[in-house]
Amino acid sequence: MQPKVLIVDDEMHIRALIEQTLEELEDEGVDILTASNGQEGLRLIKAEHPQLVFLDVMMPRMNGFEVCHAVKNKMGRTDIY
């Protein structure tokens, strides 16, 4: 299974900055995924099972705290950092 990193932020330039910072990981076989809001991020967490999530706190639709709560408590995922 290929490792995955998810970047969840409603600010496009922040997502791009983090993605650019991590782009060398892609050469090592890491998939970099992005989402523009909490709901999309939660959907990708369920579908793609990333090992690491960069999660903004203040976002529309579902904030970072709500996403984190859903991942840890409702999905029981304790293997995501």
C-alpha atoms as a PDB file:
ATOM      1  CA  MET A   1       0.000   0.000   0.000  1.00  0.00           C
ATOM      2  CA  GLN A   2       1.373   3.371  -1.044  1.00  0.00           C
ATOM      3  CA  PRO A   3       1.612   5.929   1.810  1.00  0.00           C
ATOM      4  CA  LYS A   4      -0.687   8.961   1.546  1.00  0.00           C
ATOM      5  CA  VAL A   5      -0.708  12.477   2.945  1.00  0.00           C
ATOM      6  CA  LEU A   6      -3.877  14.583   2.934  1.00  0.00           C
ATOM      7  CA  ILE A   7      -3.880  18.382   3.064  1.00  0.00           C
ATOM      8  CA  VAL A   8      -7.238  19.886   4.093  1.00  0.00           C
ATOM      9  CA  ASP A   9      -7.500  23.674   3.931  1.00  0.00           C
ATOM     10  CA  ASP A  10     -10.051  26.056   2.444  1.00  0.00           C
ATOM     11  CA  GLU A  11      -7.304  28.472   1.386  1.00  0.00           C
ATOM     12  CA  MET A  12      -5.985  27.415  -2.022  1.00  0.00           C
ATOM     13  CA  HIS A  13      -2.618  29.139  -1.537  1.00  0.00           C
ATOM     14  CA  ILE A  14      -2.043  27.358   1.801  1.00  0.00           C
ATOM     15  CA  ARG A  15      -2.840  23.968   0.223  1.00  0.00           C
ATOM     16  CA  ALA A  16      -0.451  24.760  -2.638  1.00  0.00           C
ATOM     17  CA  LEU A  17       2.313  25.887  -0.250  1.00  0.00           C
ATOM     18  CA  ILE A  18       2.106  22.707   1.836  1.00  0.00           C
ATOM     19  CA  GLU A  19       1.870  20.554  -1.285  1.00  0.00           C
ATOM     20  CA  GLN A  20       4.944  22.262  -2.755  1.00  0.00           C
ATOM     21  CA  THR A  21       6.834  21.772   0.512  1.00  0.00           C
ATOM     22  CA  LEU A  22       6.034  18.049   0.469  1.00  0.00           C
ATOM     23  CA  GLU A  23       6.552  17.436  -3.260  1.00  0.00           C
ATOM     24  CA  GLU A  24       9.848  15.617  -2.721  1.00  0.00           C
ATOM     25  CA  LEU A  25       7.872  12.905  -0.916  1.00  0.00           C
ATOM     26  CA  GLU A  26       6.159  12.107  -4.206  1.00  0.00           C
ATOM     27  CA  ASP A  27       9.557  11.026  -5.570  1.00  0.00           C
ATOM     28  CA  GLU A  28       9.656   8.553  -2.673  1.00  0.00           C
ATOM     29  CA  GLY A  29       6.253   7.097  -3.619  1.00  0.00           C
ATOM     30  CA  VAL A  30       3.980   9.108  -1.328  1.00  0.00           C
ATOM     31  CA  ASP A  31       0.621  10.241  -2.735  1.00  0.00           C
ATOM     32  CA  ILE A  32      -0.293  13.835  -1.865  1.00  0.00           C
ATOM     33  CA  LEU A  33      -4.070  14.413  -1.709  1.00  0.00           C
ATOM     34  CA  THR A  34      -5.890  17.709  -1.137  1.00  0.00           C
ATOM     35  CA  ALA A  35      -9.341  18.802  -0.015  1.00  0.00           C
ATOM     36  CA  SER A  36     -10.842  22.289   0.161  1.00  0.00           C
ATOM     37  CA  ASN A  37     -13.223  21.797   3.102  1.00  0.00           C
ATOM     38  CA  GLY A  38     -13.859  19.520   6.060  1.00  0.00           C
ATOM     39  CA  GLN A  39     -16.564  17.422   4.421  1.00  0.00           C
ATOM     40  CA  GLU A  40     -14.380  16.700   1.404  1.00  0.00           C
ATOM     41  CA  GLY A  41     -11.475  15.935   3.727  1.00  0.00           C
ATOM     42  CA  LEU A  42     -13.550  13.467   5.735  1.00  0.00           C
ATOM     43  CA  ARG A  43     -14.713  11.789   2.528  1.00  0.00           C
ATOM     44  CA  LEU A  44     -11.089  11.393   1.379  1.00  0.00           C
ATOM     45  CA  ILE A  45     -10.034  10.058   4.782  1.00  0.00           C
ATOM     46  CA  LYS A  46     -12.726   7.375   4.527  1.00  0.00           C
ATOM     47  CA  ALA A  47     -11.902   6.509   0.906  1.00  0.00           C
ATOM     48  CA  GLU A  48      -8.107   6.858   0.767  1.00  0.00           C
ATOM     49  CA  HIS A  49      -6.932   6.041   4.341  1.00  0.00           C
ATOM     50  CA  PRO A  50      -4.053   8.564   4.562  1.00  0.00           C
ATOM     51  CA  GLN A  51      -1.412   8.082   7.227  1.00  0.00           C
ATOM     52  CA  LEU A  52      -0.898  11.832   7.786  1.00  0.00           C
ATOM     53  CA  VAL A  53      -3.415  14.689   7.590  1.00  0.00           C
ATOM     54  CA  PHE A  54      -2.622  18.407   7.620  1.00  0.00           C
ATOM     55  CA  LEU A  55      -5.947  19.782   8.854  1.00  0.00           C
ATOM     56  CA  ASP A  56      -6.944  23.449   9.038  1.00  0.00           C
ATOM     57  CA  VAL A  57      -9.135  24.396  11.996  1.00  0.00           C
ATOM     58  CA  MET A  58     -11.298  27.146  10.510  1.00  0.00           C
ATOM     59  CA  MET A  59     -13.064  25.878   7.374  1.00  0.00           C
ATOM     60  CA  PRO A  60     -16.559  26.026   5.905  1.00  0.00           C
ATOM     61  CA  ARG A  61     -19.083  23.149   6.097  1.00  0.00           C
ATOM     62  CA  MET A  62     -17.133  21.221   8.718  1.00  0.00           C
ATOM     63  CA  ASN A  63     -14.296  22.683  10.776  1.00  0.00           C
ATOM     64  CA  GLY A  64     -11.078  20.879  11.608  1.00  0.00           C
ATOM     65  CA  PHE A  65     -12.169  19.996  15.138  1.00  0.00           C
ATOM     66  CA  GLU A  66     -15.330  18.343  13.787  1.00  0.00           C
ATOM     67  CA  VAL A  67     -13.312  16.370  11.228  1.00  0.00           C
ATOM     68  CA  CYS A  68     -10.837  15.260  13.887  1.00  0.00           C
ATOM     69  CA  HIS A  69     -13.671  14.219  16.215  1.00  0.00           C
ATOM     70  CA  ALA A  70     -15.359  12.203  13.453  1.00  0.00           C
ATOM     71  CA  VAL A  71     -12.109  10.466  12.498  1.00  0.00           C
ATOM     72  CA  LYS A  72     -11.082   9.575  16.052  1.00  0.00           C
ATOM     73  CA  ASN A  73     -14.450   8.905  17.703  1.00  0.00           C
ATOM     74  CA  LYS A  74     -16.929   7.909  14.996  1.00  0.00           C
ATOM     75  CA  MET A  75     -14.551   6.105  12.635  1.00  0.00           C
ATOM     76  CA  GLY A  76     -12.271   4.827  15.387  1.00  0.00           C
ATOM     77  CA  ARG A  77      -9.177   5.716  13.371  1.00  0.00           C
ATOM     78  CA  THR A  78      -6.306   6.120  15.790  1.00  0.00           C
ATOM     79  CA  ASP A  79      -3.637   5.383  13.176  1.00  0.00           C
ATOM     80  CA  ILE A  80      -3.725   8.811  11.520  1.00  0.00           C
ATOM     81  CA  TYR A  81      -1.290  11.531  12.539  1.00  0.00           C
END
